[in-house]
Protein backbone atom coordinates (compact mmCIF):
# COMPACT_ATOMS: atom_id res chain seq x y z
CA MET A 1 0.00 0.00 0.00
CA ASN A 2 2.91 2.30 -0.80
CA GLY A 3 4.12 2.65 2.73
CA GLN A 4 0.70 3.31 4.21
CA ARG A 5 0.62 0.18 6.34
CA LEU A 6 -2.54 -0.43 8.30
CA PRO A 7 -1.63 -2.94 11.04
CA GLY A 8 -5.19 -4.14 11.46
CA LEU A 9 -5.48 -4.86 7.76
CA GLN A 10 -2.16 -6.72 7.78
CA MET A 11 -3.38 -8.79 10.71
CA LEU A 12 -6.59 -9.63 8.88
CA ARG A 13 -4.72 -10.62 5.69
CA ALA A 14 -2.68 -13.08 7.73
CA LEU A 15 -5.82 -14.38 9.45
CA ALA A 16 -7.61 -14.89 6.12
CA ALA A 17 -4.71 -16.88 4.66
CA ILE A 18 -4.39 -19.02 7.79
CA MET A 19 -8.15 -19.67 7.75
CA VAL A 20 -8.01 -21.01 4.19
CA LEU A 21 -4.95 -23.09 5.04
CA THR A 22 -6.62 -24.54 8.16
CA GLY A 23 -9.73 -25.50 6.21
CA HIS A 24 -7.71 -27.36 3.62
CA VAL A 25 -5.54 -29.13 6.22
CA LEU A 26 -8.66 -30.25 8.11
CA ALA A 27 -10.24 -31.55 4.91
CA GLU A 28 -7.08 -33.51 4.07
CA ALA A 29 -6.86 -34.98 7.55
CA GLU A 30 -10.51 -36.06 7.59
CA HIS A 31 -10.15 -37.57 4.12
CA TYR A 32 -7.06 -39.64 4.84
CA PHE A 33 -7.81 -40.57 8.45
CA ALA A 34 -11.52 -41.17 7.75
CA LEU A 35 -12.83 -39.42 10.86
CA SER A 36 -14.38 -36.14 11.95
CA LEU A 37 -12.16 -33.64 13.71
CA PRO A 38 -13.01 -30.76 16.07
CA GLY A 39 -13.38 -27.47 14.23
CA ASP A 40 -14.60 -28.85 10.92
CA ALA A 41 -17.90 -26.98 11.37
CA VAL A 42 -16.07 -23.63 11.18
CA PRO A 43 -16.24 -22.15 7.64
CA TRP A 44 -12.46 -21.76 7.38
CA THR A 45 -12.40 -21.20 3.63
CA ARG A 46 -14.51 -18.06 4.10
CA GLY A 47 -11.17 -16.36 4.55
CA VAL A 48 -11.46 -15.83 0.79
CA ASP A 49 -14.37 -13.47 1.39
CA ILE A 50 -12.22 -11.46 3.79
CA PHE A 51 -9.61 -11.22 1.03
CA PHE A 52 -12.20 -9.88 -1.43
CA VAL A 53 -13.36 -7.14 0.96
CA ILE A 54 -9.74 -6.22 1.74
CA SER A 55 -9.04 -6.06 -1.99
CA GLY A 56 -11.87 -3.57 -2.50
CA PHE A 57 -10.45 -1.46 0.34
CA VAL A 58 -6.87 -1.49 -0.94
CA ILE A 59 -7.81 -0.87 -4.58
CA THR A 60 -9.81 2.19 -3.53
CA LEU A 61 -6.67 3.70 -2.01
CA SER A 62 -4.69 2.76 -5.11
CA VAL A 63 -7.21 4.40 -7.46
CA ALA A 64 -6.70 7.72 -5.67
CA ARG A 65 -3.02 7.60 -6.70
CA HIS A 66 -3.67 6.72 -10.33
CA ILE A 67 -6.54 8.97 -11.42
CA GLY A 68 -6.18 9.56 -15.15
CA HIS A 69 -3.69 6.68 -15.56
CA PRO A 70 -5.74 3.46 -15.85
CA LEU A 71 -3.03 1.55 -17.71
CA VAL A 72 -0.45 2.37 -15.05
CA PHE A 73 -2.90 1.20 -12.38
CA LEU A 74 -3.63 -2.04 -14.24
CA ARG A 75 0.04 -2.71 -14.96
CA ARG A 76 1.01 -2.29 -11.32
CA ARG A 77 -1.77 -4.58 -10.12
CA LEU A 78 -0.89 -7.27 -12.65
CA LEU A 79 2.79 -7.05 -11.78
CA ARG A 80 1.78 -7.65 -8.18
CA VAL A 81 -0.22 -10.83 -8.81
CA LEU A 82 0.93 -12.38 -12.09
CA PRO A 83 4.55 -13.45 -11.48
CA LEU A 84 3.94 -15.63 -8.43
CA TYR A 85 0.65 -16.96 -9.76
CA TYR A 86 2.24 -17.90 -13.09
CA LEU A 87 5.10 -19.58 -11.25
CA PHE A 88 2.79 -21.86 -9.27
CA THR A 89 0.49 -22.44 -12.24
CA THR A 90 3.52 -23.57 -14.25
CA LEU A 91 4.61 -25.78 -11.36
CA MET A 92 1.15 -27.36 -11.36
CA LEU A 93 1.35 -27.87 -15.14
CA LEU A 94 4.74 -29.57 -14.82
CA THR A 95 3.35 -31.78 -12.05
CA LEU A 96 0.41 -32.79 -14.24
CA LEU A 97 2.81 -33.65 -17.05
CA ALA A 98 5.37 -35.54 -14.96
CA LEU A 99 3.34 -36.95 -12.04
CA PRO A 100 -0.37 -36.92 -12.95
CA ASP A 101 -1.21 -39.51 -10.27
CA ALA A 102 0.16 -37.24 -7.56
CA VAL A 103 -2.51 -34.59 -8.23
CA LYS A 104 -6.02 -34.99 -6.86
CA ASP A 105 -9.13 -33.94 -8.81
CA THR A 106 -7.22 -32.19 -11.63
CA VAL A 107 -6.55 -33.57 -15.10
CA LEU A 108 -4.44 -32.20 -17.91
CA ASP A 109 -6.80 -30.28 -20.21
CA PRO A 110 -5.14 -27.96 -22.78
CA ALA A 111 -8.13 -25.61 -22.82
CA ASN A 112 -8.03 -25.37 -19.04
CA VAL A 113 -4.29 -24.66 -19.17
CA LEU A 114 -4.78 -21.76 -21.58
CA SER A 115 -7.68 -20.35 -19.60
CA SER A 116 -5.59 -20.60 -16.42
CA TYR A 117 -2.91 -18.29 -17.80
CA GLY A 118 -5.54 -15.94 -19.22
CA PHE A 119 -7.63 -15.69 -16.03
CA LEU A 120 -10.68 -16.91 -17.91
CA PRO A 121 -13.33 -18.94 -16.05
CA TYR A 122 -13.38 -22.54 -17.25
CA ALA A 123 -15.64 -25.45 -16.26
CA ARG A 124 -13.48 -28.48 -15.50
CA GLU A 125 -14.44 -32.14 -15.84
CA ASP A 126 -15.19 -32.34 -12.13
CA GLY A 127 -17.76 -29.54 -12.47
CA ARG A 128 -15.69 -26.86 -10.74
CA VAL A 129 -15.07 -23.53 -12.43
CA ALA A 130 -11.39 -23.24 -11.64
CA PRO A 131 -7.94 -23.16 -13.29
CA ILE A 132 -5.48 -26.05 -13.07
CA LEU A 133 -4.22 -24.43 -9.88
CA SER A 134 -7.66 -24.62 -8.30
CA LEU A 135 -6.89 -21.88 -5.76
CA GLY A 136 -6.65 -19.51 -8.71
CA TRP A 137 -10.44 -19.18 -9.00
CA THR A 138 -10.12 -16.27 -6.60
CA LEU A 139 -7.48 -14.67 -8.85
CA ASN A 140 -9.95 -14.89 -11.74
CA TYR A 141 -12.24 -12.65 -9.70
CA GLU A 142 -9.39 -10.36 -8.64
CA VAL A 143 -8.12 -9.74 -12.17
CA PHE A 144 -11.69 -9.23 -13.39
CA PHE A 145 -12.13 -6.61 -10.66
CA TYR A 146 -8.86 -4.89 -11.61
CA ALA A 147 -9.94 -4.75 -15.25
CA ALA A 148 -13.34 -3.33 -14.29
CA VAL A 149 -11.71 -0.64 -12.14
CA ALA A 150 -9.23 0.28 -14.90
CA LEU A 151 -12.09 0.57 -17.37
CA CYS A 152 -14.09 2.78 -15.01
CA MET A 153 -11.08 5.02 -14.36
CA CYS A 154 -11.80 6.58 -17.75
CA SER A 155 -14.85 8.20 -16.15
CA GLY A 156 -14.85 11.19 -13.83
CA ARG A 157 -16.09 9.12 -10.85
CA PRO A 158 -14.33 5.75 -11.19
CA LEU A 159 -15.47 4.22 -7.90
CA ARG A 160 -19.09 5.14 -8.51
CA ALA A 161 -18.79 3.80 -12.05
CA VAL A 162 -17.36 0.45 -10.93
CA ALA A 163 -20.12 0.15 -8.31
CA ILE A 164 -22.77 0.73 -10.98
CA LEU A 165 -21.04 -1.73 -13.32
CA LEU A 166 -20.83 -4.56 -10.78
CA VAL A 167 -24.39 -4.07 -9.54
CA ALA A 168 -25.59 -4.03 -13.16
CA LEU A 169 -23.73 -7.27 -13.92
CA VAL A 170 -25.15 -9.04 -10.88
CA SER A 171 -28.65 -7.77 -11.70
CA ALA A 172 -28.32 -8.94 -15.30
CA GLY A 173 -27.18 -12.34 -14.09
CA ALA A 174 -30.19 -12.63 -11.78
CA VAL A 175 -32.61 -11.65 -14.56
CA PHE A 176 -31.18 -13.45 -17.61
CA LYS A 177 -29.46 -16.37 -15.85
CA PRO A 178 -26.72 -16.85 -18.47
CA GLU A 179 -25.52 -20.39 -19.12
CA HIS A 180 -22.10 -19.46 -20.49
CA THR A 181 -19.45 -20.27 -17.90
CA ALA A 182 -17.68 -16.90 -18.00
CA LEU A 183 -20.91 -14.89 -17.88
CA THR A 184 -22.21 -16.96 -14.98
CA PHE A 185 -18.91 -16.45 -13.17
CA TRP A 186 -18.67 -12.69 -13.72
CA THR A 187 -22.31 -12.04 -12.77
CA ASN A 188 -22.05 -13.97 -9.50
CA PRO A 189 -23.16 -11.82 -6.53
CA LEU A 190 -19.78 -12.63 -4.98
CA VAL A 191 -18.31 -9.67 -6.92
CA LEU A 192 -20.31 -7.34 -4.66
CA GLU A 193 -17.88 -8.15 -1.83
CA PHE A 194 -15.38 -5.87 -3.56
CA LEU A 195 -17.93 -3.07 -3.20
CA PHE A 196 -18.10 -3.69 0.55
CA GLY A 197 -14.39 -2.93 0.71
CA ILE A 198 -14.79 0.17 -1.47
CA ALA A 199 -17.49 1.51 0.84
CA LEU A 200 -15.30 0.98 3.91
CA ALA A 201 -12.32 2.64 2.25
CA ARG A 202 -14.36 5.69 1.26
CA LEU A 203 -15.58 5.97 4.85
CA TRP A 204 -11.99 5.60 6.10
CA GLN A 205 -10.79 8.29 3.68
CA SER A 206 -13.46 10.66 4.95
CA GLY A 207 -12.02 10.46 8.46
CA GLY A 208 -14.60 8.43 10.31
CA PRO A 209 -15.39 6.46 12.38
CA ARG A 210 -12.56 6.93 14.86
CA PRO A 211 -10.22 4.33 16.39
CA ASP A 212 -11.84 2.67 19.38
CA ILE A 213 -10.70 -0.57 20.95
CA VAL A 214 -14.20 -1.49 22.16
CA TRP A 215 -15.80 -1.07 18.74
CA CYS A 216 -12.83 -2.74 17.09
CA GLY A 217 -13.17 -5.82 19.27
CA LEU A 218 -16.94 -5.83 18.86
CA CYS A 219 -16.74 -5.73 15.05
CA LEU A 220 -14.13 -8.48 14.89
CA THR A 221 -15.98 -10.70 17.37
CA VAL A 222 -19.46 -10.22 15.93
CA GLY A 223 -18.14 -10.65 12.40
CA SER A 224 -16.44 -13.92 13.32
CA VAL A 225 -19.51 -15.29 15.10
CA LEU A 226 -21.84 -14.27 12.27
CA MET A 227 -19.58 -15.97 9.73
CA ILE A 228 -19.94 -19.23 11.64
CA VAL A 229 -23.67 -18.92 12.36
CA LEU A 230 -24.80 -17.68 8.94
CA ASP A 231 -22.75 -20.29 7.08
CA SER A 232 -25.21 -23.00 8.11
CA MET A 233 -28.21 -21.02 6.86
CA PRO A 234 -29.63 -21.11 3.31
CA MET A 235 -28.34 -17.67 2.34
CA PRO A 236 -26.31 -16.41 -0.63
CA ARG A 237 -22.60 -16.44 0.12
CA VAL A 238 -22.33 -12.68 -0.45
CA LEU A 239 -24.58 -12.22 2.59
CA ALA A 240 -23.60 -15.19 4.75
CA ALA A 241 -19.86 -14.56 4.38
CA GLY A 242 -19.54 -11.15 2.72
CA LEU A 243 -21.33 -9.13 5.39
CA PRO A 244 -19.42 -10.70 8.32
CA ALA A 245 -16.19 -10.18 6.36
CA MET A 246 -17.11 -6.52 5.87
CA LEU A 247 -17.71 -6.17 9.60
CA MET A 248 -14.32 -7.70 10.36
CA VAL A 249 -12.53 -5.42 7.88
CA ALA A 250 -14.35 -2.44 9.43
CA GLY A 251 -12.98 -3.41 12.84
CA ALA A 252 -9.47 -3.74 11.40
CA THR A 253 -9.55 -0.32 9.69
CA LEU A 254 -12.19 2.15 10.85
CA PHE A 255 -11.95 1.22 14.53
CA TRP A 256 -8.40 -0.12 14.82
CA PRO A 257 -6.84 1.47 17.92
CA PRO A 258 -3.30 2.92 17.92
CA ILE A 259 -1.70 -0.12 19.49
CA ARG A 260 1.50 -1.87 18.50
CA VAL A 261 1.07 -5.32 17.01
CA PRO A 262 4.02 -7.72 16.58
CA ASP A 263 4.94 -7.50 12.90
CA LEU A 264 5.57 -11.12 11.92
CA ARG A 265 5.21 -10.29 8.22
CA LEU A 266 2.45 -12.87 7.89
CA GLY A 267 0.26 -10.24 6.27
CA ASP A 268 2.91 -9.52 3.64
CA ALA A 269 3.38 -13.26 3.12
CA SER A 270 -0.35 -14.01 2.86
CA TYR A 271 -0.35 -14.15 -0.97
CA ALA A 272 2.67 -16.49 -1.04
CA LEU A 273 1.09 -18.64 1.67
CA TYR A 274 -2.19 -18.81 -0.22
CA LEU A 275 -0.60 -19.91 -3.51
CA SER A 276 2.00 -22.28 -2.07
CA HIS A 277 0.10 -24.09 0.65
CA ARG A 278 -1.48 -26.73 -1.60
CA PHE A 279 1.99 -27.85 -2.70
CA ALA A 280 3.33 -27.79 0.85
CA LEU A 281 0.28 -29.67 2.12
CA ARG A 282 0.62 -32.34 -0.55
CA ALA A 283 4.30 -32.83 0.26
CA ALA A 284 3.54 -33.03 3.99
CA THR A 285 0.81 -35.59 3.32
CA LEU A 286 3.10 -37.84 1.27
CA VAL A 287 5.77 -37.74 3.98
CA LEU A 288 3.62 -37.94 7.12
CA LEU A 289 0.92 -40.48 6.25
CA PRO A 290 3.22 -43.54 6.20
CA LEU A 291 4.70 -42.48 9.55
CA LEU A 292 1.54 -41.78 11.55
CA PRO A 293 -0.99 -44.19 13.04
CA ALA A 294 -4.48 -44.10 11.55
CA THR A 295 -5.98 -42.81 14.82
CA GLY A 296 -7.28 -39.56 16.24
CA VAL A 297 -3.87 -38.85 17.76
CA GLY A 298 -2.22 -39.43 14.40
CA ALA A 299 -4.67 -37.03 12.76
CA GLU A 300 -3.94 -34.34 15.34
CA ILE A 301 -0.18 -34.73 14.87
CA TYR A 302 -0.74 -34.49 11.13
CA LEU A 303 -2.77 -31.29 11.58
CA VAL A 304 -0.08 -29.56 13.62
CA LEU A 305 2.86 -30.60 11.47
CA ALA A 306 1.11 -29.90 8.16
CA LEU A 307 0.03 -26.45 9.35
CA LEU A 308 3.53 -25.56 10.55
CA PHE A 309 5.20 -26.86 7.40
CA SER A 310 2.79 -24.92 5.17
CA LEU A 311 3.32 -21.72 7.17
CA VAL A 312 7.10 -22.06 6.97
CA THR A 313 6.91 -22.80 3.25
CA GLY A 314 4.77 -19.70 2.68
CA MET A 315 7.27 -17.51 4.53
CA VAL A 316 10.18 -19.01 2.58
CA VAL A 317 8.39 -18.44 -0.73
CA HIS A 318 7.65 -14.85 0.28
CA HIS A 319 11.19 -13.97 1.33
CA TRP A 320 13.18 -15.94 -1.23
CA ILE A 321 10.93 -15.93 -4.31
CA GLU A 322 8.14 -13.34 -4.14
CA ARG A 323 10.19 -10.41 -2.82
CA PRO A 324 13.09 -10.90 -5.29
CA MET A 325 10.49 -11.10 -8.08
CA MET A 326 8.98 -7.81 -6.99
CA ARG A 327 12.40 -6.17 -6.81
CA GLY A 328 13.21 -7.48 -10.27
CA PHE A 329 10.10 -5.96 -11.80
CA ARG A 330 10.22 -2.68 -9.87
CA PRO A 331 12.98 -0.86 -11.82
CA ARG A 332 11.22 -1.46 -15.13
CA GLN A 333 7.94 -0.34 -13.61
CA HIS A 334 9.52 2.86 -12.30
CA ARG A 335 11.03 3.66 -15.70
CA ARG A 336 7.63 3.34 -17.34
CA LEU A 337 6.03 5.55 -14.71
CA ALA A 338 8.72 8.18 -15.29
C-alpha cells in the first residue's frame, strides 16, 4: 500500500490466509484418516471473502493515486499478482505432465491450461469452475475486478462507475441467468464483496469512524460469530460470508486502535502462503501419512505438522521468491512511470 501500512489490515490478511490453510488441512486430515475432527464446522475457507473485501479497500486507495492513468494502475496490479501466480500455475502444469497420479481432482486439459494463464473462467471435468491451480479461482475474480476498475477510471467518478457496473452485472445475471461459464462467473453476486471494501475505504478516507478498541473488538468478534452462524443457513454467500467479512474489515480499519502489534510479516506473506500451501500440504501428506498411526492422535499430529510446514513454506516463498520477483520488476515499472 505504498508505505501506508494499516496494522489491522495486515493482521486480517494473515488471518484470512491461515483460515483457508486450516480449512484445507482439516479436509485432508478427515479424508485420509476417515474421521471427523473438532473445528470442521467452522467455515475456514470463508477467509477468501475477507480477502475480497480487503481487496476492494486497498484498490480504492490505489485508485486515488492513479486517477487519469488506468493503464499504469492495471500494470502495477498485474505485476503484483501475475509473477507468483504464473510460477505456481507452471509448477502445477509440470506436475500434471510428470506426475499426474500425484494430483487430486485435476486432469491435464489444454483448454483449461490456456484459460488458467488468461484468467478466464473454465468449467473443469469435475464440475468446478477453476484453473489447473484450483486456488486460482479467486485470482480470476481479482483480475476481473482490476480490469473493471481500470475501465471505469476513464470516467470522472471511477469508484461510482465500478459500483454501478458490478451491480448491473449481478442484476443482469439474476434476470437473464446466463448459461455461459464466463458470464455466470462474472455475474455472480460474490463480486459485490469488492464493493463492501470500497465503501469501507471511502468511509476511512473521509475520516470516520474513529479508532476505538471497544468497537474494534466488537466488530471483529461479531463478524467472526456471524460468519460461523450464517454459514449453516440457506443464504447467498455474499450475505452469509460477505457481510461478516465486511464487519471484520471495518474493525481492522475504521476502529483499529493505535496499538503496537508484533509485525511477523504474515500479512505480507499471505499471498505467497495462499498460492504455495497446496503444494506444501501435498508434500507433507506424502511424507507424514506412512509415519503416523491411523488414529485420532495421528490425525492431530498431522494437523499440527502440516500447518507448521505450510506456514514455513509460505514464509520461505515470500522472502526468497516473491520479494526478489517484486524487486526485479520494480525498476522497469519505475522507468515506465517516469
